[in-house]
Amino acid sequence: MHLSFDHLVHFSPDPIKAQKELNEYGINVVKGGIHEKWGTFNTLAYFNLSYIEWLGLRDIALAQTVTDNDLIQQLVNEHTPVGHFGRFALRTDDMDLLIKELESKSYAVKGPVAGSRQTNDGERLEWKMCFIEADHDSLPLPFFIEWGEPEEKRKPKLAALSSHQAGQLQLKNIYCAVHNLEESISKWTKLLDIQSAESYKDSLLNARCQKLYVNGGNLIFCSGTQGVVHDTLKKVGERPFLVELDHALTPQQITVQGASFKFNK
């Protein structure tokens, strides 16, 4: 499967407040738009084609009626006053072929689901998504997205949005808390047909970790009985908890709305 990391979704109690706070740290977070049929809205930070989305509820009554979009259902179920990273999307340029490949591996696929939003300058963005039916008690499997425009058209539009005062930031790693490292690595390498590195001890996180190589943003799974990994598992279950960004002007680590960001030089 030819997949790239597309975006990480933060379930935000207030995407506009997150935008203002992250702007103060030198991350260029911009208003995204409104998803009329889902009752949600977002703000976005781009790092070339990879990005982070702060997704919030605009009309909770409408969002509660959504049945064909697992991401919105998860947002409704997990919405808290604090917020946390919820799930991420991987990008494909051939959704129909991807669905065939997933179904050939005996995965139950939901979709494709059509999505769209109106940008602030009036442009209508369109895409389609699909989801894999899975155990919601584990790390949510990625959903898959195919944009209505090819990458060559999207790149120049996103270049200006990828300019950050904090540096020429590049999304490097997304850390995810899991209960059983070996089981999770086995499950995800089978699903995505991707390579993993050797497991290692991360003394700062006080956890055993292992990297999965994904174009546009690697995934690092971590398992631990104390520290931030344990705290994440206790508070929100198996979820992403840390984003690592390279090429920052100043190394630092910040936490905004229950999610952490580490800046490397």
C-alpha atoms as a PDB file:
ATOM      1  CA  MET A   1       0.000   0.000   0.000  1.00  0.00           C
ATOM      2  CA  HIS A   2       1.358   3.421  -0.932  1.00  0.00           C
ATOM      3  CA  LEU A   3       0.356   5.501   2.087  1.00  0.00           C
ATOM      4  CA  SER A   4       1.614   8.748   3.604  1.00  0.00           C
ATOM      5  CA  PHE A   5       0.864  10.401   6.915  1.00  0.00           C
ATOM      6  CA  ASP A   6      -1.814  13.025   6.271  1.00  0.00           C
ATOM      7  CA  HIS A   7      -2.980  14.542   9.539  1.00  0.00           C
ATOM      8  CA  LEU A   8      -3.412  14.083  13.269  1.00  0.00           C
ATOM      9  CA  VAL A   9      -6.765  15.044  14.786  1.00  0.00           C
ATOM     10  CA  HIS A  10      -6.890  16.756  18.167  1.00  0.00           C
ATOM     11  CA  PHE A  11     -10.309  16.587  19.837  1.00  0.00           C
ATOM     12  CA  SER A  12     -10.460  20.183  20.979  1.00  0.00           C
ATOM     13  CA  PRO A  13     -12.915  21.843  23.389  1.00  0.00           C
ATOM     14  CA  ASP A  14     -12.098  25.164  21.655  1.00  0.00           C
ATOM     15  CA  PRO A  15     -10.140  25.129  18.355  1.00  0.00           C
ATOM     16  CA  ILE A  16      -9.963  28.941  18.258  1.00  0.00           C
ATOM     17  CA  LYS A  17      -8.430  29.120  21.739  1.00  0.00           C
ATOM     18  CA  ALA A  18      -5.907  26.411  20.723  1.00  0.00           C
ATOM     19  CA  GLN A  19      -5.072  28.464  17.643  1.00  0.00           C
ATOM     20  CA  LYS A  20      -4.344  31.597  19.685  1.00  0.00           C
ATOM     21  CA  GLU A  21      -2.220  29.741  22.230  1.00  0.00           C
ATOM     22  CA  LEU A  22      -0.144  27.923  19.605  1.00  0.00           C
ATOM     23  CA  ASN A  23       0.298  31.128  17.592  1.00  0.00           C
ATOM     24  CA  GLU A  24       2.010  32.569  20.684  1.00  0.00           C
ATOM     25  CA  TYR A  25       4.506  29.678  20.537  1.00  0.00           C
ATOM     26  CA  GLY A  26       5.273  30.476  16.899  1.00  0.00           C
ATOM     27  CA  ILE A  27       3.160  27.765  15.274  1.00  0.00           C
ATOM     28  CA  ASN A  28       1.101  29.126  12.402  1.00  0.00           C
ATOM     29  CA  VAL A  29      -2.381  27.751  13.144  1.00  0.00           C
ATOM     30  CA  VAL A  30      -5.063  28.986  10.736  1.00  0.00           C
ATOM     31  CA  LYS A  31      -8.825  28.775  10.602  1.00  0.00           C
ATOM     32  CA  GLY A  32      -9.947  25.785   8.586  1.00  0.00           C
ATOM     33  CA  GLY A  33     -13.680  25.911   8.072  1.00  0.00           C
ATOM     34  CA  ILE A  34     -17.060  24.428   8.871  1.00  0.00           C
ATOM     35  CA  HIS A  35     -18.254  20.900   8.130  1.00  0.00           C
ATOM     36  CA  GLU A  36     -21.930  21.694   7.581  1.00  0.00           C
ATOM     37  CA  LYS A  37     -23.262  18.137   7.566  1.00  0.00           C
ATOM     38  CA  TRP A  38     -21.274  16.994  10.617  1.00  0.00           C
ATOM     39  CA  GLY A  39     -21.783  19.914  13.010  1.00  0.00           C
ATOM     40  CA  THR A  40     -18.032  20.471  13.450  1.00  0.00           C
ATOM     41  CA  PHE A  41     -15.338  23.041  12.623  1.00  0.00           C
ATOM     42  CA  ASN A  42     -11.547  23.158  12.765  1.00  0.00           C
ATOM     43  CA  THR A  43      -8.286  25.049  12.911  1.00  0.00           C
ATOM     44  CA  LEU A  44      -5.140  23.706  11.221  1.00  0.00           C
ATOM     45  CA  ALA A  45      -1.336  23.790  11.354  1.00  0.00           C
ATOM     46  CA  TYR A  46       0.465  22.667   8.188  1.00  0.00           C
ATOM     47  CA  PHE A  47       3.931  21.159   7.900  1.00  0.00           C
ATOM     48  CA  ASN A  48       4.055  20.790   4.110  1.00  0.00           C
ATOM     49  CA  LEU A  49       1.501  18.086   3.209  1.00  0.00           C
ATOM     50  CA  SER A  50       1.246  16.800   6.796  1.00  0.00           C
ATOM     51  CA  TYR A  51      -0.850  18.751   9.283  1.00  0.00           C
ATOM     52  CA  ILE A  52      -2.529  18.817  12.676  1.00  0.00           C
ATOM     53  CA  GLU A  53      -6.256  19.481  12.969  1.00  0.00           C
ATOM     54  CA  TRP A  54      -8.001  20.876  16.049  1.00  0.00           C
ATOM     55  CA  LEU A  55     -11.545  19.557  15.604  1.00  0.00           C
ATOM     56  CA  GLY A  56     -14.373  21.007  17.646  1.00  0.00           C
ATOM     57  CA  LEU A  57     -18.131  20.681  17.974  1.00  0.00           C
ATOM     58  CA  ARG A  58     -20.202  23.506  16.478  1.00  0.00           C
ATOM     59  CA  ASP A  59     -23.591  21.785  16.687  1.00  0.00           C
ATOM     60  CA  ILE A  60     -23.457  18.841  19.066  1.00  0.00           C
ATOM     61  CA  ALA A  61     -27.070  17.835  18.354  1.00  0.00           C
ATOM     62  CA  LEU A  62     -26.253  17.508  14.642  1.00  0.00           C
ATOM     63  CA  ALA A  63     -22.945  15.739  15.350  1.00  0.00           C
ATOM     64  CA  GLN A  64     -24.785  13.163  17.462  1.00  0.00           C
ATOM     65  CA  THR A  65     -26.893  12.175  14.444  1.00  0.00           C
ATOM     66  CA  VAL A  66     -23.869  11.329  12.237  1.00  0.00           C
ATOM     67  CA  THR A  67     -23.721   7.602  11.482  1.00  0.00           C
ATOM     68  CA  ASP A  68     -21.359   7.286   8.501  1.00  0.00           C
ATOM     69  CA  ASN A  69     -18.271   9.025   9.918  1.00  0.00           C
ATOM     70  CA  ASP A  70     -16.427   7.172  12.697  1.00  0.00           C
ATOM     71  CA  LEU A  71     -14.246  10.202  13.435  1.00  0.00           C
ATOM     72  CA  ILE A  72     -17.232  12.399  14.316  1.00  0.00           C
ATOM     73  CA  GLN A  73     -18.748   9.611  16.410  1.00  0.00           C
ATOM     74  CA  GLN A  74     -15.452   9.259  18.274  1.00  0.00           C
ATOM     75  CA  LEU A  75     -15.277  13.042  18.827  1.00  0.00           C
ATOM     76  CA  VAL A  76     -18.782  13.060  20.295  1.00  0.00           C
ATOM     77  CA  ASN A  77     -18.023  10.098  22.565  1.00  0.00           C
ATOM     78  CA  GLU A  78     -14.650  11.420  23.772  1.00  0.00           C
ATOM     79  CA  HIS A  79     -15.338  15.168  23.961  1.00  0.00           C
ATOM     80  CA  THR A  80     -13.981  16.641  27.216  1.00  0.00           C
ATOM     81  CA  PRO A  81     -13.347  20.152  28.599  1.00  0.00           C
ATOM     82  CA  VAL A  82      -9.575  19.469  28.391  1.00  0.00           C
ATOM     83  CA  GLY A  83      -9.079  17.807  24.998  1.00  0.00           C
ATOM     84  CA  HIS A  84      -6.627  15.205  23.688  1.00  0.00           C
ATOM     85  CA  PHE A  85      -5.221  13.727  20.479  1.00  0.00           C
ATOM     86  CA  GLY A  86      -7.796  11.345  19.065  1.00  0.00           C
ATOM     87  CA  ARG A  87      -6.816   9.732  15.793  1.00  0.00           C
ATOM     88  CA  PHE A  88      -4.866  10.232  12.585  1.00  0.00           C
ATOM     89  CA  ALA A  89      -5.379   9.840   8.864  1.00  0.00           C
ATOM     90  CA  LEU A  90      -3.165   8.290   6.218  1.00  0.00           C
ATOM     91  CA  ARG A  91      -3.310   9.559   2.644  1.00  0.00           C
ATOM     92  CA  THR A  92      -3.839   7.507  -0.504  1.00  0.00           C
ATOM     93  CA  ASP A  93      -4.116   8.508  -4.150  1.00  0.00           C
ATOM     94  CA  ASP A  94      -6.346   5.554  -5.011  1.00  0.00           C
ATOM     95  CA  MET A  95      -9.123   4.951  -2.485  1.00  0.00           C
ATOM     96  CA  ASP A  96     -10.857   2.240  -4.511  1.00  0.00           C
ATOM     97  CA  LEU A  97      -7.673   0.176  -4.779  1.00  0.00           C
ATOM     98  CA  LEU A  98      -6.913   0.699  -1.079  1.00  0.00           C
ATOM     99  CA  ILE A  99     -10.362  -0.579  -0.082  1.00  0.00           C
ATOM    100  CA  LYS A 100      -9.860  -3.683  -2.249  1.00  0.00           C
ATOM    101  CA  GLU A 101      -6.486  -4.329  -0.602  1.00  0.00           C
ATOM    102  CA  LEU A 102      -7.931  -3.931   2.905  1.00  0.00           C
ATOM    103  CA  GLU A 103     -10.874  -6.190   2.135  1.00  0.00           C
ATOM    104  CA  SER A 104      -8.499  -8.816   0.701  1.00  0.00           C
ATOM    105  CA  LYS A 105      -6.898  -8.902   4.173  1.00  0.00           C
ATOM    106  CA  SER A 106     -10.363  -9.515   5.689  1.00  0.00           C
ATOM    107  CA  TYR A 107     -10.791  -6.033   7.169  1.00  0.00           C
ATOM    108  CA  ALA A 108     -14.357  -4.691   7.287  1.00  0.00           C
ATOM    109  CA  VAL A 109     -14.242  -1.288   5.581  1.00  0.00           C
ATOM    110  CA  LYS A 110     -16.807   1.519   5.977  1.00  0.00           C
ATOM    111  CA  GLY A 111     -16.934   3.989   3.117  1.00  0.00           C
ATOM    112  CA  PRO A 112     -15.891   5.783   1.085  1.00  0.00           C
ATOM    113  CA  VAL A 113     -17.554   8.767   2.790  1.00  0.00           C
ATOM    114  CA  ALA A 114     -17.580  12.112   0.963  1.00  0.00           C
ATOM    115  CA  GLY A 115     -16.333  15.155   2.899  1.00  0.00           C
ATOM    116  CA  SER A 116     -16.109  18.867   2.183  1.00  0.00           C
ATOM    117  CA  ARG A 117     -15.653  22.245   3.844  1.00  0.00           C
ATOM    118  CA  GLN A 118     -15.694  25.872   2.838  1.00  0.00           C
ATOM    119  CA  THR A 119     -12.424  27.727   3.476  1.00  0.00           C
ATOM    120  CA  ASN A 120     -12.300  31.322   4.716  1.00  0.00           C
ATOM    121  CA  ASP A 121     -11.482  32.578   1.213  1.00  0.00           C
ATOM    122  CA  GLY A 122     -14.491  30.791  -0.261  1.00  0.00           C
ATOM    123  CA  GLU A 123     -12.762  27.782  -1.781  1.00  0.00           C
ATOM    124  CA  ARG A 124     -14.574  24.464  -1.399  1.00  0.00           C
ATOM    125  CA  LEU A 125     -12.291  21.587  -0.478  1.00  0.00           C
ATOM    126  CA  GLU A 126     -13.461  18.056  -1.153  1.00  0.00           C
ATOM    127  CA  TRP A 127     -12.168  14.635  -0.158  1.00  0.00           C
ATOM    128  CA  LYS A 128     -13.307  11.097   0.577  1.00  0.00           C
ATOM    129  CA  MET A 129     -12.541   8.871   3.539  1.00  0.00           C
ATOM    130  CA  CYS A 130     -12.886   5.277   4.619  1.00  0.00           C
ATOM    131  CA  PHE A 131     -12.713   3.630   8.022  1.00  0.00           C
ATOM    132  CA  ILE A 132     -11.913   0.159   9.313  1.00  0.00           C
ATOM    133  CA  GLU A 133     -14.310  -1.384  11.803  1.00  0.00           C
ATOM    134  CA  ALA A 134     -12.166  -2.108  14.857  1.00  0.00           C
ATOM    135  CA  ASP A 135     -12.000  -2.554  18.602  1.00  0.00           C
ATOM    136  CA  HIS A 136     -12.556   0.898  20.115  1.00  0.00           C
ATOM    137  CA  ASP A 137     -10.740  -0.053  23.329  1.00  0.00           C
ATOM    138  CA  SER A 138      -7.390  -0.157  21.501  1.00  0.00           C
ATOM    139  CA  LEU A 139      -5.445   2.540  19.647  1.00  0.00           C
ATOM    140  CA  PRO A 140      -7.929   3.699  16.974  1.00  0.00           C
ATOM    141  CA  LEU A 141      -6.880   2.421  13.579  1.00  0.00           C
ATOM    142  CA  PRO A 142      -6.121   5.191  11.095  1.00  0.00           C
ATOM    143  CA  PHE A 143      -8.768   6.369   8.711  1.00  0.00           C
ATOM    144  CA  PHE A 144      -7.785   6.882   5.107  1.00  0.00           C
ATOM    145  CA  ILE A 145      -8.255   9.976   2.986  1.00  0.00           C
ATOM    146  CA  GLU A 146      -8.032  10.808  -0.701  1.00  0.00           C
ATOM    147  CA  TRP A 147      -8.060  14.502  -1.587  1.00  0.00           C
ATOM    148  CA  GLY A 148      -9.971  15.890  -4.542  1.00  0.00           C
ATOM    149  CA  GLU A 149      -6.783  17.454  -5.902  1.00  0.00           C
ATOM    150  CA  PRO A 150      -3.422  15.771  -6.629  1.00  0.00           C
ATOM    151  CA  GLU A 151      -0.415  16.555  -4.419  1.00  0.00           C
ATOM    152  CA  GLU A 152       1.205  18.684  -7.142  1.00  0.00           C
ATOM    153  CA  LYS A 153      -1.722  21.128  -6.947  1.00  0.00           C
ATOM    154  CA  ARG A 154      -1.964  21.082  -3.166  1.00  0.00           C
ATOM    155  CA  LYS A 155       1.757  21.651  -2.422  1.00  0.00           C
ATOM    156  CA  PRO A 156       1.999  25.306  -3.577  1.00  0.00           C
ATOM    157  CA  LYS A 157      -1.238  26.199  -1.776  1.00  0.00           C
ATOM    158  CA  LEU A 158       0.064  24.745   1.488  1.00  0.00           C
ATOM    159  CA  ALA A 159       3.603  26.169   1.226  1.00  0.00           C
ATOM    160  CA  ALA A 160       2.620  29.611   2.584  1.00  0.00           C
ATOM    161  CA  LEU A 161       0.616  28.037   5.423  1.00  0.00           C
ATOM    162  CA  SER A 162       3.665  25.953   6.390  1.00  0.00           C
ATOM    163  CA  SER A 163       5.686  29.031   7.371  1.00  0.00           C
ATOM    164  CA  HIS A 164       6.155  29.190  11.162  1.00  0.00           C
ATOM    165  CA  GLN A 165       7.873  31.767  13.365  1.00  0.00           C
ATOM    166  CA  ALA A 166       9.205  28.900  15.484  1.00  0.00           C
ATOM    167  CA  GLY A 167      11.293  27.635  12.533  1.00  0.00           C
ATOM    168  CA  GLN A 168      11.037  25.583   9.364  1.00  0.00           C
ATOM    169  CA  LEU A 169       9.086  22.993  11.276  1.00  0.00           C
ATOM    170  CA  GLN A 170       8.769  19.461   9.997  1.00  0.00           C
ATOM    171  CA  LEU A 171       6.492  16.848  11.543  1.00  0.00           C
ATOM    172  CA  LYS A 172       8.832  14.006  12.488  1.00  0.00           C
ATOM    173  CA  ASN A 173       7.210  11.565  14.932  1.00  0.00           C
ATOM    174  CA  ILE A 174       3.804  10.924  16.502  1.00  0.00           C
ATOM    175  CA  TYR A 175       4.045   9.041  19.816  1.00  0.00           C
ATOM    176  CA  CYS A 176       1.176   6.724  20.787  1.00  0.00           C
ATOM    177  CA  ALA A 177       0.530   5.076  24.150  1.00  0.00           C
ATOM    178  CA  VAL A 178      -0.326   1.365  23.931  1.00  0.00           C
ATOM    179  CA  HIS A 179      -0.772  -1.372  26.515  1.00  0.00           C
ATOM    180  CA  ASN A 180       1.043  -4.167  24.684  1.00  0.00           C
ATOM    181  CA  LEU A 181       3.876  -3.011  22.441  1.00  0.00           C
ATOM    182  CA  GLU A 182       4.458  -6.308  20.616  1.00  0.00           C
ATOM    183  CA  GLU A 183       0.777  -6.898  19.858  1.00  0.00           C
ATOM    184  CA  SER A 184       0.286  -3.340  18.598  1.00  0.00           C
ATOM    185  CA  ILE A 185       3.369  -3.420  16.356  1.00  0.00           C
ATOM    186  CA  SER A 186       2.312  -6.768  14.886  1.00  0.00           C
ATOM    187  CA  LYS A 187      -1.229  -5.524  14.247  1.00  0.00           C
ATOM    188  CA  TRP A 188      -0.200  -2.291  12.563  1.00  0.00           C
ATOM    189  CA  THR A 189       2.648  -3.646  10.427  1.00  0.00           C
ATOM    190  CA  LYS A 190       0.238  -6.259   9.058  1.00  0.00           C
ATOM    191  CA  LEU A 191      -2.434  -3.649   8.371  1.00  0.00           C
ATOM    192  CA  LEU A 192      -0.210  -1.090   6.668  1.00  0.00           C
ATOM    193  CA  ASP A 193       2.568  -3.226   5.135  1.00  0.00           C
ATOM    194  CA  ILE A 194       5.232  -0.999   6.706  1.00  0.00           C
ATOM    195  CA  GLN A 195       8.634  -1.529   8.324  1.00  0.00           C
ATOM    196  CA  SER A 196       9.348  -1.219  12.039  1.00  0.00           C
ATOM    197  CA  ALA A 197      12.625  -0.529  13.821  1.00  0.00           C
ATOM    198  CA  GLU A 198      13.934  -2.419  16.852  1.00  0.00           C
ATOM    199  CA  SER A 199      12.307  -1.666  20.189  1.00  0.00           C
ATOM    200  CA  TYR A 200      14.251   0.534  22.615  1.00  0.00           C
ATOM    201  CA  LYS A 201      14.039   2.043  26.091  1.00  0.00           C
ATOM    202  CA  ASP A 202      13.158   5.749  26.152  1.00  0.00           C
ATOM    203  CA  SER A 203      14.447   7.020  29.499  1.00  0.00           C
ATOM    204  CA  LEU A 204      12.677  10.398  29.193  1.00  0.00           C
ATOM    205  CA  LEU A 205       9.294   8.761  28.648  1.00  0.00           C
ATOM    206  CA  ASN A 206      10.122   5.889  31.009  1.00  0.00           C
ATOM    207  CA  ALA A 207       8.750   3.490  28.411  1.00  0.00           C
ATOM    208  CA  ARG A 208       9.652   0.852  25.858  1.00  0.00           C
ATOM    209  CA  CYS A 209       9.095   2.204  22.367  1.00  0.00           C
ATOM    210  CA  GLN A 210       9.214   1.057  18.757  1.00  0.00           C
ATOM    211  CA  LYS A 211       9.052   3.088  15.536  1.00  0.00           C
ATOM    212  CA  LEU A 212       6.930   2.445  12.452  1.00  0.00           C
ATOM    213  CA  TYR A 213       8.235   4.202   9.351  1.00  0.00           C
ATOM    214  CA  VAL A 214       5.591   6.281   7.566  1.00  0.00           C
ATOM    215  CA  ASN A 215       6.269   8.893   4.892  1.00  0.00           C
ATOM    216  CA  GLY A 216       5.367  12.355   6.231  1.00  0.00           C
ATOM    217  CA  GLY A 217       5.378  11.417   9.926  1.00  0.00           C
ATOM    218  CA  ASN A 218       6.615   8.279  11.684  1.00  0.00           C
ATOM    219  CA  LEU A 219       4.592   6.513  14.371  1.00  0.00           C
ATOM    220  CA  ILE A 220       6.270   5.557  17.640  1.00  0.00           C
ATOM    221  CA  PHE A 221       4.365   3.186  19.909  1.00  0.00           C
ATOM    222  CA  CYS A 222       5.233   3.272  23.619  1.00  0.00           C
ATOM    223  CA  SER A 223       4.307   1.062  26.545  1.00  0.00           C
ATOM    224  CA  GLY A 224       5.065   1.845  30.186  1.00  0.00           C
ATOM    225  CA  THR A 225       3.776   1.368  33.727  1.00  0.00           C
ATOM    226  CA  GLN A 226       4.584   4.884  34.929  1.00  0.00           C
ATOM    227  CA  GLY A 227       5.164   8.361  33.555  1.00  0.00           C
ATOM    228  CA  VAL A 228       3.354  10.099  30.689  1.00  0.00           C
ATOM    229  CA  VAL A 229       2.582   6.882  28.786  1.00  0.00           C
ATOM    230  CA  HIS A 230       0.922   5.343  31.833  1.00  0.00           C
ATOM    231  CA  ASP A 231      -0.926   8.606  32.532  1.00  0.00           C
ATOM    232  CA  THR A 232      -2.244   8.728  28.954  1.00  0.00           C
ATOM    233  CA  LEU A 233      -3.468   5.137  29.132  1.00  0.00           C
ATOM    234  CA  LYS A 234      -5.198   5.853  32.433  1.00  0.00           C
ATOM    235  CA  LYS A 235      -6.852   9.116  31.309  1.00  0.00           C
ATOM    236  CA  VAL A 236      -7.860   8.485  27.688  1.00  0.00           C
ATOM    237  CA  GLY A 237      -6.732   4.958  26.814  1.00  0.00           C
ATOM    238  CA  GLU A 238      -4.537   4.030  23.856  1.00  0.00           C
ATOM    239  CA  ARG A 239      -4.142   7.326  22.034  1.00  0.00           C
ATOM    240  CA  PRO A 240      -1.465   9.583  20.480  1.00  0.00           C
ATOM    241  CA  PHE A 241       0.033  11.829  23.171  1.00  0.00           C
ATOM    242  CA  LEU A 242       3.096  13.634  21.756  1.00  0.00           C
ATOM    243  CA  VAL A 243       4.103  15.230  18.454  1.00  0.00           C
ATOM    244  CA  GLU A 244       7.793  15.741  17.726  1.00  0.00           C
ATOM    245  CA  LEU A 245       8.732  18.580  15.348  1.00  0.00           C
ATOM    246  CA  ASP A 246      12.180  19.097  13.817  1.00  0.00           C
ATOM    247  CA  HIS A 247      14.041  22.265  12.679  1.00  0.00           C
ATOM    248  CA  ALA A 248      12.801  24.562  15.440  1.00  0.00           C
ATOM    249  CA  LEU A 249      14.782  27.697  16.268  1.00  0.00           C
ATOM    250  CA  THR A 250      14.512  26.948  20.004  1.00  0.00           C
ATOM    251  CA  PRO A 251      14.175  23.496  21.592  1.00  0.00           C
ATOM    252  CA  GLN A 252      11.225  23.305  23.977  1.00  0.00           C
ATOM    253  CA  GLN A 253       8.246  21.182  24.972  1.00  0.00           C
ATOM    254  CA  ILE A 254       4.735  22.538  25.453  1.00  0.00           C
ATOM    255  CA  THR A 255       1.309  21.147  26.325  1.00  0.00           C
ATOM    256  CA  VAL A 256      -1.879  22.628  24.875  1.00  0.00           C
ATOM    257  CA  GLN A 257      -5.351  21.276  25.614  1.00  0.00           C
ATOM    258  CA  GLY A 258      -4.096  17.926  26.894  1.00  0.00           C
ATOM    259  CA  ALA A 259      -1.629  17.303  24.042  1.00  0.00           C
ATOM    260  CA  SER A 260       2.150  17.752  24.034  1.00  0.00           C
ATOM    261  CA  PHE A 261       4.532  19.085  21.379  1.00  0.00           C
ATOM    262  CA  LYS A 262       8.304  18.697  21.419  1.00  0.00           C
ATOM    263  CA  PHE A 263      10.438  21.079  19.338  1.00  0.00           C
ATOM    264  CA  ASN A 264      13.884  19.876  18.234  1.00  0.00           C
ATOM    265  CA  LYS A 265      16.565  22.032  16.575  1.00  0.00           C
END
